[in-house]
Amino acid sequence: MPPGGDRVLRALLDARLSFLVSGGTGSGKTTLLSALLGLAGPDERIVLAEDSAELRPDHPHVVRLETRPANQEGAGLVTLEDLVRQALRMRPDRLVVGEVRGPEVVHLLAALNTGHEGE
């Protein structure tokens, strides 16, 4: 991390700004985001919507939502879009949409436009 980078990241969290963590495979995105979420206030409700559970924030108030494929009969499918919609109903203080690729980007952008702080 460049000098002063920690102060910039802390300021983002304190200001409850939305931000995006991106980088190549194995670059530490998940580790960084988990660490940042651990710095959120203990009274804040964090809701994670992920394709597969990867984030492990050290925080007392985390709700984890994970997508699910349909069963053999074609029932039970839970998409990232479904999770974002449910997460918004849970009144999160911070909403985190996990790794997105392809069409999931639409759901990430929709979540960023909801007006919730700290996404």
PDB file of N, CA and C in Angstrom:
ATOM      1  N   MET A   1       0.851  -1.162   0.000  1.00  0.00           N
ATOM      2  CA  MET A   1       0.000   0.000   0.000  1.00  0.00           C
ATOM      3  C   MET A   1       0.905   1.235   0.000  1.00  0.00           C
ATOM      4  N   PRO A   2       0.552   2.231  -0.785  1.00  0.00           N
ATOM      5  CA  PRO A   2       1.379   3.439  -0.814  1.00  0.00           C
ATOM      6  C   PRO A   2       1.303   4.187   0.516  1.00  0.00           C
ATOM      7  N   PRO A   3       2.315   4.997   0.810  1.00  0.00           N
ATOM      8  CA  PRO A   3       2.283   5.780   2.047  1.00  0.00           C
ATOM      9  C   PRO A   3       1.008   6.623   2.116  1.00  0.00           C
ATOM     10  N   GLY A   4       0.367   6.600   3.258  1.00  0.00           N
ATOM     11  CA  GLY A   4      -0.865   7.359   3.460  1.00  0.00           C
ATOM     12  C   GLY A   4      -2.110   6.648   2.970  1.00  0.00           C
ATOM     13  N   GLY A   5      -1.948   5.502   2.315  1.00  0.00           N
ATOM     14  CA  GLY A   5      -3.100   4.763   1.806  1.00  0.00           C
ATOM     15  C   GLY A   5      -4.046   4.335   2.908  1.00  0.00           C
ATOM     16  N   ASP A   6      -3.489   3.980   4.064  1.00  0.00           N
ATOM     17  CA  ASP A   6      -4.337   3.571   5.185  1.00  0.00           C
ATOM     18  C   ASP A   6      -5.231   4.714   5.649  1.00  0.00           C
ATOM     19  N   ARG A   7      -4.711   5.939   5.616  1.00  0.00           N
ATOM     20  CA  ARG A   7      -5.517   7.102   6.025  1.00  0.00           C
ATOM     21  C   ARG A   7      -6.649   7.363   5.024  1.00  0.00           C
ATOM     22  N   VAL A   8      -6.356   7.173   3.748  1.00  0.00           N
ATOM     23  CA  VAL A   8      -7.384   7.364   2.723  1.00  0.00           C
ATOM     24  C   VAL A   8      -8.507   6.341   2.907  1.00  0.00           C
ATOM     25  N   LEU A   9      -8.140   5.088   3.125  1.00  0.00           N
ATOM     26  CA  LEU A   9      -9.148   4.042   3.315  1.00  0.00           C
ATOM     27  C   LEU A   9      -9.977   4.293   4.566  1.00  0.00           C
ATOM     28  N   ARG A  10      -9.326   4.712   5.636  1.00  0.00           N
ATOM     29  CA  ARG A  10     -10.062   5.007   6.879  1.00  0.00           C
ATOM     30  C   ARG A  10     -11.021   6.177   6.675  1.00  0.00           C
ATOM     31  N   ALA A  11     -10.582   7.181   5.921  1.00  0.00           N
ATOM     32  CA  ALA A  11     -11.451   8.327   5.640  1.00  0.00           C
ATOM     33  C   ALA A  11     -12.675   7.897   4.822  1.00  0.00           C
ATOM     34  N   LEU A  12     -12.485   6.971   3.881  1.00  0.00           N
ATOM     35  CA  LEU A  12     -13.618   6.441   3.110  1.00  0.00           C
ATOM     36  C   LEU A  12     -14.644   5.784   4.027  1.00  0.00           C
ATOM     37  N   LEU A  13     -14.142   4.966   4.947  1.00  0.00           N
ATOM     38  CA  LEU A  13     -15.041   4.287   5.886  1.00  0.00           C
ATOM     39  C   LEU A  13     -15.751   5.274   6.796  1.00  0.00           C
ATOM     40  N   ASP A  14     -14.987   6.193   7.357  1.00  0.00           N
ATOM     41  CA  ASP A  14     -15.565   7.153   8.298  1.00  0.00           C
ATOM     42  C   ASP A  14     -16.612   8.041   7.637  1.00  0.00           C
ATOM     43  N   ALA A  15     -16.397   8.376   6.361  1.00  0.00           N
ATOM     44  CA  ALA A  15     -17.344   9.216   5.628  1.00  0.00           C
ATOM     45  C   ALA A  15     -18.518   8.404   5.076  1.00  0.00           C
ATOM     46  N   ARG A  16     -18.452   7.081   5.249  1.00  0.00           N
ATOM     47  CA  ARG A  16     -19.501   6.169   4.786  1.00  0.00           C
ATOM     48  C   ARG A  16     -19.735   6.293   3.280  1.00  0.00           C
ATOM     49  N   LEU A  17     -18.640   6.439   2.534  1.00  0.00           N
ATOM     50  CA  LEU A  17     -18.715   6.549   1.082  1.00  0.00           C
ATOM     51  C   LEU A  17     -18.765   5.162   0.443  1.00  0.00           C
ATOM     52  N   SER A  18     -19.391   5.083  -0.709  1.00  0.00           N
ATOM     53  CA  SER A  18     -19.380   3.844  -1.482  1.00  0.00           C
ATOM     54  C   SER A  18     -18.042   3.735  -2.191  1.00  0.00           C
ATOM     55  N   PHE A  19     -17.521   2.521  -2.286  1.00  0.00           N
ATOM     56  CA  PHE A  19     -16.256   2.329  -2.988  1.00  0.00           C
ATOM     57  C   PHE A  19     -16.218   0.936  -3.592  1.00  0.00           C
ATOM     58  N   LEU A  20     -15.283   0.753  -4.510  1.00  0.00           N
ATOM     59  CA  LEU A  20     -15.116  -0.499  -5.226  1.00  0.00           C
ATOM     60  C   LEU A  20     -13.704  -0.997  -4.996  1.00  0.00           C
ATOM     61  N   VAL A  21     -13.572  -2.268  -4.665  1.00  0.00           N
ATOM     62  CA  VAL A  21     -12.257  -2.889  -4.509  1.00  0.00           C
ATOM     63  C   VAL A  21     -12.059  -3.786  -5.727  1.00  0.00           C
ATOM     64  N   SER A  22     -11.006  -3.535  -6.479  1.00  0.00           N
ATOM     65  CA  SER A  22     -10.754  -4.356  -7.666  1.00  0.00           C
ATOM     66  C   SER A  22      -9.270  -4.683  -7.765  1.00  0.00           C
ATOM     67  N   GLY A  23      -8.968  -5.735  -8.493  1.00  0.00           N
ATOM     68  CA  GLY A  23      -7.581  -6.151  -8.675  1.00  0.00           C
ATOM     69  C   GLY A  23      -7.534  -7.539  -9.278  1.00  0.00           C
ATOM     70  N   GLY A  24      -6.347  -7.968  -9.598  1.00  0.00           N
ATOM     71  CA  GLY A  24      -6.145  -9.269 -10.212  1.00  0.00           C
ATOM     72  C   GLY A  24      -6.323 -10.410  -9.228  1.00  0.00           C
ATOM     73  N   THR A  25      -6.341 -11.615  -9.762  1.00  0.00           N
ATOM     74  CA  THR A  25      -6.446 -12.821  -8.946  1.00  0.00           C
ATOM     75  C   THR A  25      -5.280 -12.882  -7.964  1.00  0.00           C
ATOM     76  N   GLY A  26      -5.586 -13.131  -6.705  1.00  0.00           N
ATOM     77  CA  GLY A  26      -4.552 -13.260  -5.684  1.00  0.00           C
ATOM     78  C   GLY A  26      -3.940 -11.955  -5.230  1.00  0.00           C
ATOM     79  N   SER A  27      -4.563 -10.828  -5.587  1.00  0.00           N
ATOM     80  CA  SER A  27      -3.980  -9.528  -5.231  1.00  0.00           C
ATOM     81  C   SER A  27      -4.346  -9.056  -3.825  1.00  0.00           C
ATOM     82  N   GLY A  28      -5.263  -9.753  -3.144  1.00  0.00           N
ATOM     83  CA  GLY A  28      -5.618  -9.389  -1.775  1.00  0.00           C
ATOM     84  C   GLY A  28      -6.912  -8.614  -1.630  1.00  0.00           C
ATOM     85  N   LYS A  29      -7.756  -8.628  -2.646  1.00  0.00           N
ATOM     86  CA  LYS A  29      -9.023  -7.894  -2.591  1.00  0.00           C
ATOM     87  C   LYS A  29      -9.893  -8.346  -1.417  1.00  0.00           C
ATOM     88  N   THR A  30     -10.067  -9.650  -1.285  1.00  0.00           N
ATOM     89  CA  THR A  30     -10.918 -10.199  -0.226  1.00  0.00           C
ATOM     90  C   THR A  30     -10.339  -9.890   1.141  1.00  0.00           C
ATOM     91  N   THR A  31      -9.049 -10.035   1.287  1.00  0.00           N
ATOM     92  CA  THR A  31      -8.386  -9.748   2.562  1.00  0.00           C
ATOM     93  C   THR A  31      -8.545  -8.283   2.930  1.00  0.00           C
ATOM     94  N   LEU A  32      -8.329  -7.392   1.965  1.00  0.00           N
ATOM     95  CA  LEU A  32      -8.459  -5.957   2.219  1.00  0.00           C
ATOM     96  C   LEU A  32      -9.884  -5.604   2.615  1.00  0.00           C
ATOM     97  N   LEU A  33     -10.865  -6.083   1.860  1.00  0.00           N
ATOM     98  CA  LEU A  33     -12.252  -5.742   2.158  1.00  0.00           C
ATOM     99  C   LEU A  33     -12.687  -6.309   3.505  1.00  0.00           C
ATOM    100  N   SER A  34     -12.281  -7.517   3.824  1.00  0.00           N
ATOM    101  CA  SER A  34     -12.609  -8.093   5.133  1.00  0.00           C
ATOM    102  C   SER A  34     -12.021  -7.244   6.253  1.00  0.00           C
ATOM    103  N   ALA A  35     -10.781  -6.809   6.081  1.00  0.00           N
ATOM    104  CA  ALA A  35     -10.139  -5.969   7.098  1.00  0.00           C
ATOM    105  C   ALA A  35     -10.855  -4.632   7.231  1.00  0.00           C
ATOM    106  N   LEU A  36     -11.222  -4.026   6.120  1.00  0.00           N
ATOM    107  CA  LEU A  36     -11.926  -2.741   6.171  1.00  0.00           C
ATOM    108  C   LEU A  36     -13.276  -2.881   6.864  1.00  0.00           C
ATOM    109  N   LEU A  37     -13.997  -3.948   6.565  1.00  0.00           N
ATOM    110  CA  LEU A  37     -15.297  -4.155   7.205  1.00  0.00           C
ATOM    111  C   LEU A  37     -15.155  -4.361   8.705  1.00  0.00           C
ATOM    112  N   GLY A  38     -14.052  -4.941   9.123  1.00  0.00           N
ATOM    113  CA  GLY A  38     -13.797  -5.115  10.547  1.00  0.00           C
ATOM    114  C   GLY A  38     -13.619  -3.801  11.280  1.00  0.00           C
ATOM    115  N   LEU A  39     -13.337  -2.726  10.541  1.00  0.00           N
ATOM    116  CA  LEU A  39     -13.166  -1.403  11.145  1.00  0.00           C
ATOM    117  C   LEU A  39     -14.481  -0.642  11.287  1.00  0.00           C
ATOM    118  N   ALA A  40     -15.547  -1.161  10.708  1.00  0.00           N
ATOM    119  CA  ALA A  40     -16.852  -0.503  10.837  1.00  0.00           C
ATOM    120  C   ALA A  40     -17.278  -0.529  12.298  1.00  0.00           C
ATOM    121  N   GLY A  41     -18.062   0.445  12.685  1.00  0.00           N
ATOM    122  CA  GLY A  41     -18.524   0.524  14.066  1.00  0.00           C
ATOM    123  C   GLY A  41     -19.248  -0.737  14.496  1.00  0.00           C
ATOM    124  N   PRO A  42     -19.075  -1.174  15.743  1.00  0.00           N
ATOM    125  CA  PRO A  42     -19.688  -2.422  16.210  1.00  0.00           C
ATOM    126  C   PRO A  42     -21.215  -2.389  16.222  1.00  0.00           C
ATOM    127  N   ASP A  43     -21.805  -1.209  16.185  1.00  0.00           N
ATOM    128  CA  ASP A  43     -23.260  -1.094  16.171  1.00  0.00           C
ATOM    129  C   ASP A  43     -23.826  -1.087  14.753  1.00  0.00           C
ATOM    130  N   GLU A  44     -22.956  -1.126  13.748  1.00  0.00           N
ATOM    131  CA  GLU A  44     -23.404  -1.091  12.360  1.00  0.00           C
ATOM    132  C   GLU A  44     -23.766  -2.491  11.873  1.00  0.00           C
ATOM    133  N   ARG A  45     -24.846  -2.566  11.119  1.00  0.00           N
ATOM    134  CA  ARG A  45     -25.297  -3.833  10.532  1.00  0.00           C
ATOM    135  C   ARG A  45     -24.718  -3.937   9.122  1.00  0.00           C
ATOM    136  N   ILE A  46     -23.911  -4.964   8.903  1.00  0.00           N
ATOM    137  CA  ILE A  46     -23.291  -5.202   7.603  1.00  0.00           C
ATOM    138  C   ILE A  46     -23.999  -6.385   6.951  1.00  0.00           C
ATOM    139  N   VAL A  47     -24.490  -6.184   5.737  1.00  0.00           N
ATOM    140  CA  VAL A  47     -25.123  -7.275   4.997  1.00  0.00           C
ATOM    141  C   VAL A  47     -24.255  -7.584   3.781  1.00  0.00           C
ATOM    142  N   LEU A  48     -23.847  -8.853   3.676  1.00  0.00           N
ATOM    143  CA  LEU A  48     -23.006  -9.322   2.578  1.00  0.00           C
ATOM    144  C   LEU A  48     -23.861 -10.120   1.605  1.00  0.00           C
ATOM    145  N   ALA A  49     -23.827  -9.775   0.332  1.00  0.00           N
ATOM    146  CA  ALA A  49     -24.500 -10.535  -0.719  1.00  0.00           C
ATOM    147  C   ALA A  49     -23.410 -11.066  -1.639  1.00  0.00           C
ATOM    148  N   GLU A  50     -23.209 -12.397  -1.613  1.00  0.00           N
ATOM    149  CA  GLU A  50     -22.093 -12.980  -2.355  1.00  0.00           C
ATOM    150  C   GLU A  50     -22.525 -14.194  -3.169  1.00  0.00           C
ATOM    151  N   ASP A  51     -21.803 -14.406  -4.259  1.00  0.00           N
ATOM    152  CA  ASP A  51     -22.006 -15.592  -5.083  1.00  0.00           C
ATOM    153  C   ASP A  51     -21.511 -16.825  -4.334  1.00  0.00           C
ATOM    154  N   SER A  52     -20.372 -16.691  -3.692  1.00  0.00           N
ATOM    155  CA  SER A  52     -19.867 -17.731  -2.790  1.00  0.00           C
ATOM    156  C   SER A  52     -19.255 -17.020  -1.589  1.00  0.00           C
ATOM    157  N   ALA A  53     -19.497 -17.543  -0.410  1.00  0.00           N
ATOM    158  CA  ALA A  53     -19.062 -16.879   0.821  1.00  0.00           C
ATOM    159  C   ALA A  53     -17.539 -16.837   0.888  1.00  0.00           C
ATOM    160  N   GLU A  54     -16.980 -15.657   0.691  1.00  0.00           N
ATOM    161  CA  GLU A  54     -15.533 -15.475   0.745  1.00  0.00           C
ATOM    162  C   GLU A  54     -15.121 -14.495   1.834  1.00  0.00           C
ATOM    163  N   LEU A  55     -15.919 -13.459   2.020  1.00  0.00           N
ATOM    164  CA  LEU A  55     -15.556 -12.420   2.989  1.00  0.00           C
ATOM    165  C   LEU A  55     -15.731 -12.928   4.413  1.00  0.00           C
ATOM    166  N   ARG A  56     -14.776 -12.613   5.255  1.00  0.00           N
ATOM    167  CA  ARG A  56     -14.794 -13.028   6.657  1.00  0.00           C
ATOM    168  C   ARG A  56     -14.447 -11.838   7.550  1.00  0.00           C
ATOM    169  N   PRO A  57     -15.307 -10.825   7.584  1.00  0.00           N
ATOM    170  CA  PRO A  57     -14.978  -9.672   8.426  1.00  0.00           C
ATOM    171  C   PRO A  57     -15.069 -10.021   9.908  1.00  0.00           C
ATOM    172  N   ASP A  58     -14.155  -9.475  10.671  1.00  0.00           N
ATOM    173  CA  ASP A  58     -14.170  -9.628  12.126  1.00  0.00           C
ATOM    174  C   ASP A  58     -15.062  -8.521  12.668  1.00  0.00           C
ATOM    175  N   HIS A  59     -16.355  -8.792  12.684  1.00  0.00           N
ATOM    176  CA  HIS A  59     -17.343  -7.781  13.066  1.00  0.00           C
ATOM    177  C   HIS A  59     -18.514  -8.488  13.745  1.00  0.00           C
ATOM    178  N   PRO A  60     -19.085  -7.876  14.787  1.00  0.00           N
ATOM    179  CA  PRO A  60     -20.136  -8.557  15.547  1.00  0.00           C
ATOM    180  C   PRO A  60     -21.517  -8.596  14.894  1.00  0.00           C
ATOM    181  N   HIS A  61     -21.752  -7.805  13.848  1.00  0.00           N
ATOM    182  CA  HIS A  61     -23.109  -7.716  13.318  1.00  0.00           C
ATOM    183  C   HIS A  61     -23.104  -7.884  11.795  1.00  0.00           C
ATOM    184  N   VAL A  62     -22.850  -9.105  11.346  1.00  0.00           N
ATOM    185  CA  VAL A  62     -22.774  -9.415   9.915  1.00  0.00           C
ATOM    186  C   VAL A  62     -23.893 -10.376   9.543  1.00  0.00           C
ATOM    187  N   VAL A  63     -24.604 -10.061   8.475  1.00  0.00           N
ATOM    188  CA  VAL A  63     -25.612 -10.954   7.908  1.00  0.00           C
ATOM    189  C   VAL A  63     -25.061 -11.417   6.562  1.00  0.00           C
ATOM    190  N   ARG A  64     -24.972 -12.731   6.378  1.00  0.00           N
ATOM    191  CA  ARG A  64     -24.401 -13.293   5.144  1.00  0.00           C
ATOM    192  C   ARG A  64     -25.512 -13.876   4.272  1.00  0.00           C
ATOM    193  N   LEU A  65     -25.525 -13.465   3.026  1.00  0.00           N
ATOM    194  CA  LEU A  65     -26.465 -13.999   2.042  1.00  0.00           C
ATOM    195  C   LEU A  65     -25.652 -14.576   0.889  1.00  0.00           C
ATOM    196  N   GLU A  66     -26.038 -15.760   0.423  1.00  0.00           N
ATOM    197  CA  GLU A  66     -25.265 -16.431  -0.622  1.00  0.00           C
ATOM    198  C   GLU A  66     -26.199 -16.970  -1.708  1.00  0.00           C
ATOM    199  N   THR A  67     -25.784 -16.817  -2.958  1.00  0.00           N
ATOM    200  CA  THR A  67     -26.586 -17.333  -4.067  1.00  0.00           C
ATOM    201  C   THR A  67     -26.666 -18.854  -3.998  1.00  0.00           C
ATOM    202  N   ARG A  68     -27.637 -19.396  -4.739  1.00  0.00           N
ATOM    203  CA  ARG A  68     -27.832 -20.844  -4.742  1.00  0.00           C
ATOM    204  C   ARG A  68     -28.350 -21.255  -6.124  1.00  0.00           C
ATOM    205  N   PRO A  69     -27.806 -22.337  -6.677  1.00  0.00           N
ATOM    206  CA  PRO A  69     -28.330 -22.815  -7.970  1.00  0.00           C
ATOM    207  C   PRO A  69     -29.672 -23.519  -7.774  1.00  0.00           C
ATOM    208  N   ALA A  70     -30.389 -23.677  -8.857  1.00  0.00           N
ATOM    209  CA  ALA A  70     -31.655 -24.412  -8.803  1.00  0.00           C
ATOM    210  C   ALA A  70     -31.378 -25.888  -8.532  1.00  0.00           C
ATOM    211  N   ASN A  71     -32.354 -26.551  -7.919  1.00  0.00           N
ATOM    212  CA  ASN A  71     -32.207 -27.992  -7.683  1.00  0.00           C
ATOM    213  C   ASN A  71     -32.512 -28.753  -8.973  1.00  0.00           C
ATOM    214  N   GLN A  72     -32.519 -30.072  -8.906  1.00  0.00           N
ATOM    215  CA  GLN A  72     -32.730 -30.891 -10.111  1.00  0.00           C
ATOM    216  C   GLN A  72     -34.090 -30.657 -10.758  1.00  0.00           C
ATOM    217  N   GLU A  73     -35.053 -30.233  -9.954  1.00  0.00           N
ATOM    218  CA  GLU A  73     -36.390 -29.947 -10.491  1.00  0.00           C
ATOM    219  C   GLU A  73     -36.484 -28.530 -11.039  1.00  0.00           C
ATOM    220  N   GLY A  74     -35.412 -27.756 -10.910  1.00  0.00           N
ATOM    221  CA  GLY A  74     -35.408 -26.382 -11.412  1.00  0.00           C
ATOM    222  C   GLY A  74     -35.909 -25.351 -10.418  1.00  0.00           C
ATOM    223  N   ALA A  75     -36.143 -25.760  -9.181  1.00  0.00           N
ATOM    224  CA  ALA A  75     -36.650 -24.839  -8.161  1.00  0.00           C
ATOM    225  C   ALA A  75     -35.528 -24.427  -7.210  1.00  0.00           C
ATOM    226  N   GLY A  76     -35.746 -23.335  -6.514  1.00  0.00           N
ATOM    227  CA  GLY A  76     -34.829 -22.933  -5.456  1.00  0.00           C
ATOM    228  C   GLY A  76     -33.700 -22.014  -5.868  1.00  0.00           C
ATOM    229  N   LEU A  77     -33.681 -21.572  -7.118  1.00  0.00           N
ATOM    230  CA  LEU A  77     -32.627 -20.670  -7.581  1.00  0.00           C
ATOM    231  C   LEU A  77     -32.673 -19.357  -6.804  1.00  0.00           C
ATOM    232  N   VAL A  78     -31.524 -18.922  -6.294  1.00  0.00           N
ATOM    233  CA  VAL A  78     -31.399 -17.621  -5.628  1.00  0.00           C
ATOM    234  C   VAL A  78     -30.253 -16.889  -6.315  1.00  0.00           C
ATOM    235  N   THR A  79     -30.573 -15.780  -6.968  1.00  0.00           N
ATOM    236  CA  THR A  79     -29.585 -15.019  -7.733  1.00  0.00           C
ATOM    237  C   THR A  79     -29.027 -13.860  -6.915  1.00  0.00           C
ATOM    238  N   LEU A  80     -27.969 -13.265  -7.424  1.00  0.00           N
ATOM    239  CA  LEU A  80     -27.409 -12.083  -6.774  1.00  0.00           C
ATOM    240  C   LEU A  80     -28.431 -10.951  -6.754  1.00  0.00           C
ATOM    241  N   GLU A  81     -29.217 -10.848  -7.810  1.00  0.00           N
ATOM    242  CA  GLU A  81     -30.282  -9.845  -7.847  1.00  0.00           C
ATOM    243  C   GLU A  81     -31.263 -10.066  -6.698  1.00  0.00           C
ATOM    244  N   ASP A  82     -31.653 -11.320  -6.463  1.00  0.00           N
ATOM    245  CA  ASP A  82     -32.548 -11.645  -5.348  1.00  0.00           C
ATOM    246  C   ASP A  82     -31.927 -11.219  -4.023  1.00  0.00           C
ATOM    247  N   LEU A  83     -30.635 -11.514  -3.871  1.00  0.00           N
ATOM    248  CA  LEU A  83     -29.952 -11.200  -2.613  1.00  0.00           C
ATOM    249  C   LEU A  83     -29.872  -9.703  -2.368  1.00  0.00           C
ATOM    250  N   VAL A  84     -29.565  -8.934  -3.407  1.00  0.00           N
ATOM    251  CA  VAL A  84     -29.490  -7.475  -3.239  1.00  0.00           C
ATOM    252  C   VAL A  84     -30.855  -6.938  -2.841  1.00  0.00           C
ATOM    253  N   ARG A  85     -31.895  -7.419  -3.474  1.00  0.00           N
ATOM    254  CA  ARG A  85     -33.250  -6.970  -3.138  1.00  0.00           C
ATOM    255  C   ARG A  85     -33.589  -7.303  -1.681  1.00  0.00           C
ATOM    256  N   GLN A  86     -33.267  -8.520  -1.242  1.00  0.00           N
ATOM    257  CA  GLN A  86     -33.522  -8.908   0.149  1.00  0.00           C
ATOM    258  C   GLN A  86     -32.645  -8.119   1.122  1.00  0.00           C
ATOM    259  N   ALA A  87     -31.398  -7.909   0.748  1.00  0.00           N
ATOM    260  CA  ALA A  87     -30.475  -7.169   1.616  1.00  0.00           C
ATOM    261  C   ALA A  87     -30.989  -5.762   1.886  1.00  0.00           C
ATOM    262  N   LEU A  88     -31.536  -5.112   0.886  1.00  0.00           N
ATOM    263  CA  LEU A  88     -32.042  -3.750   1.064  1.00  0.00           C
ATOM    264  C   LEU A  88     -33.224  -3.716   2.028  1.00  0.00           C
ATOM    265  N   ARG A  89     -33.976  -4.782   2.104  1.00  0.00           N
ATOM    266  CA  ARG A  89     -35.103  -4.859   3.043  1.00  0.00           C
ATOM    267  C   ARG A  89     -34.642  -5.067   4.483  1.00  0.00           C
ATOM    268  N   MET A  90     -33.390  -5.464   4.649  1.00  0.00           N
ATOM    269  CA  MET A  90     -32.844  -5.732   5.984  1.00  0.00           C
ATOM    270  C   MET A  90     -32.284  -4.484   6.655  1.00  0.00           C
ATOM    271  N   ARG A  91     -32.447  -3.352   6.026  1.00  0.00           N
ATOM    272  CA  ARG A  91     -31.993  -2.067   6.567  1.00  0.00           C
ATOM    273  C   ARG A  91     -30.514  -2.094   6.962  1.00  0.00           C
ATOM    274  N   PRO A  92     -29.650  -2.407   6.008  1.00  0.00           N
ATOM    275  CA  PRO A  92     -28.215  -2.458   6.338  1.00  0.00           C
ATOM    276  C   PRO A  92     -27.637  -1.066   6.550  1.00  0.00           C
ATOM    277  N   ASP A  93     -26.671  -0.983   7.445  1.00  0.00           N
ATOM    278  CA  ASP A  93     -25.877   0.240   7.548  1.00  0.00           C
ATOM    279  C   ASP A  93     -24.818   0.235   6.457  1.00  0.00           C
ATOM    280  N   ARG A  94     -24.353  -0.972   6.124  1.00  0.00           N
ATOM    281  CA  ARG A  94     -23.378  -1.156   5.041  1.00  0.00           C
ATOM    282  C   ARG A  94     -23.794  -2.385   4.243  1.00  0.00           C
ATOM    283  N   LEU A  95     -23.885  -2.199   2.944  1.00  0.00           N
ATOM    284  CA  LEU A  95     -24.235  -3.292   2.047  1.00  0.00           C
ATOM    285  C   LEU A  95     -23.022  -3.609   1.190  1.00  0.00           C
ATOM    286  N   VAL A  96     -22.635  -4.879   1.172  1.00  0.00           N
ATOM    287  CA  VAL A  96     -21.483  -5.316   0.391  1.00  0.00           C
ATOM    288  C   VAL A  96     -21.954  -6.342  -0.630  1.00  0.00           C
ATOM    289  N   VAL A  97     -21.722  -6.041  -1.899  1.00  0.00           N
ATOM    290  CA  VAL A  97     -21.989  -6.997  -2.965  1.00  0.00           C
ATOM    291  C   VAL A  97     -20.642  -7.601  -3.315  1.00  0.00           C
ATOM    292  N   GLY A  98     -20.526  -8.912  -3.146  1.00  0.00           N
ATOM    293  CA  GLY A  98     -19.251  -9.595  -3.361  1.00  0.00           C
ATOM    294  C   GLY A  98     -18.798  -9.559  -4.802  1.00  0.00           C
ATOM    295  N   GLU A  99     -17.904 -10.449  -5.140  1.00  0.00           N
ATOM    296  CA  GLU A  99     -17.298 -10.462  -6.471  1.00  0.00           C
ATOM    297  C   GLU A  99     -18.356 -10.506  -7.561  1.00  0.00           C
ATOM    298  N   VAL A 100     -18.226  -9.606  -8.510  1.00  0.00           N
ATOM    299  CA  VAL A 100     -19.160  -9.566  -9.632  1.00  0.00           C
ATOM    300  C   VAL A 100     -18.390  -9.686 -10.941  1.00  0.00           C
ATOM    301  N   ARG A 101     -19.002 -10.368 -11.872  1.00  0.00           N
ATOM    302  CA  ARG A 101     -18.433 -10.504 -13.210  1.00  0.00           C
ATOM    303  C   ARG A 101     -19.605 -10.704 -14.165  1.00  0.00           C
ATOM    304  N   GLY A 102     -19.509 -10.148 -15.308  1.00  0.00           N
ATOM    305  CA  GLY A 102     -20.571 -10.283 -16.296  1.00  0.00           C
ATOM    306  C   GLY A 102     -21.834  -9.541 -15.904  1.00  0.00           C
ATOM    307  N   PRO A 103     -22.995 -10.187 -16.073  1.00  0.00           N
ATOM    308  CA  PRO A 103     -24.271  -9.502 -15.852  1.00  0.00           C
ATOM    309  C   PRO A 103     -24.504  -9.055 -14.410  1.00  0.00           C
ATOM    310  N   GLU A 104     -23.753  -9.623 -13.446  1.00  0.00           N
ATOM    311  CA  GLU A 104     -23.937  -9.234 -12.046  1.00  0.00           C
ATOM    312  C   GLU A 104     -23.587  -7.769 -11.802  1.00  0.00           C
ATOM    313  N   VAL A 105     -22.825  -7.173 -12.708  1.00  0.00           N
ATOM    314  CA  VAL A 105     -22.436  -5.768 -12.559  1.00  0.00           C
ATOM    315  C   VAL A 105     -23.677  -4.885 -12.473  1.00  0.00           C
ATOM    316  N   VAL A 106     -24.726  -5.251 -13.189  1.00  0.00           N
ATOM    317  CA  VAL A 106     -25.972  -4.488 -13.149  1.00  0.00           C
ATOM    318  C   VAL A 106     -26.502  -4.418 -11.723  1.00  0.00           C
ATOM    319  N   HIS A 107     -26.431  -5.521 -10.987  1.00  0.00           N
ATOM    320  CA  HIS A 107     -26.952  -5.562  -9.623  1.00  0.00           C
ATOM    321  C   HIS A 107     -26.066  -4.757  -8.678  1.00  0.00           C
ATOM    322  N   LEU A 108     -24.773  -4.771  -8.928  1.00  0.00           N
ATOM    323  CA  LEU A 108     -23.863  -3.945  -8.136  1.00  0.00           C
ATOM    324  C   LEU A 108     -24.197  -2.475  -8.330  1.00  0.00           C
ATOM    325  N   LEU A 109     -24.359  -2.052  -9.565  1.00  0.00           N
ATOM    326  CA  LEU A 109     -24.679  -0.651  -9.835  1.00  0.00           C
ATOM    327  C   LEU A 109     -26.033  -0.266  -9.248  1.00  0.00           C
ATOM    328  N   ALA A 110     -26.986  -1.174  -9.304  1.00  0.00           N
ATOM    329  CA  ALA A 110     -28.296  -0.903  -8.700  1.00  0.00           C
ATOM    330  C   ALA A 110     -28.151  -0.711  -7.197  1.00  0.00           C
ATOM    331  N   ALA A 111     -27.337  -1.543  -6.558  1.00  0.00           N
ATOM    332  CA  ALA A 111     -27.127  -1.413  -5.113  1.00  0.00           C
ATOM    333  C   ALA A 111     -26.454  -0.088  -4.781  1.00  0.00           C
ATOM    334  N   LEU A 112     -25.502   0.325  -5.599  1.00  0.00           N
ATOM    335  CA  LEU A 112     -24.810   1.593  -5.353  1.00  0.00           C
ATOM    336  C   LEU A 112     -25.749   2.784  -5.482  1.00  0.00           C
ATOM    337  N   ASN A 113     -26.802   2.643  -6.262  1.00  0.00           N
ATOM    338  CA  ASN A 113     -27.728   3.750  -6.491  1.00  0.00           C
ATOM    339  C   ASN A 113     -28.912   3.782  -5.534  1.00  0.00           C
ATOM    340  N   THR A 114     -28.904   2.955  -4.505  1.00  0.00           N
ATOM    341  CA  THR A 114     -30.047   2.920  -3.584  1.00  0.00           C
ATOM    342  C   THR A 114     -30.030   4.043  -2.570  1.00  0.00           C
ATOM    343  N   GLY A 115     -28.878   4.685  -2.401  1.00  0.00           N
ATOM    344  CA  GLY A 115     -28.782   5.742  -1.404  1.00  0.00           C
ATOM    345  C   GLY A 115     -28.298   5.261  -0.055  1.00  0.00           C
ATOM    346  N   HIS A 116     -28.056   3.963   0.107  1.00  0.00           N
ATOM    347  CA  HIS A 116     -27.500   3.463   1.361  1.00  0.00           C
ATOM    348  C   HIS A 116     -26.052   3.899   1.458  1.00  0.00           C
ATOM    349  N   GLU A 117     -25.661   4.365   2.622  1.00  0.00           N
ATOM    350  CA  GLU A 117     -24.278   4.789   2.815  1.00  0.00           C
ATOM    351  C   GLU A 117     -23.396   3.575   3.044  1.00  0.00           C
ATOM    352  N   GLY A 118     -22.119   3.728   2.734  1.00  0.00           N
ATOM    353  CA  GLY A 118     -21.131   2.715   3.057  1.00  0.00           C
ATOM    354  C   GLY A 118     -21.254   1.434   2.278  1.00  0.00           C
ATOM    355  N   GLU A 119     -21.716   1.492   1.051  1.00  0.00           N
ATOM    356  CA  GLU A 119     -21.832   0.285   0.234  1.00  0.00           C
ATOM    357  C   GLU A 119     -20.511  -0.050  -0.387  1.00  0.00           C
TER     358      GLU A 119
END
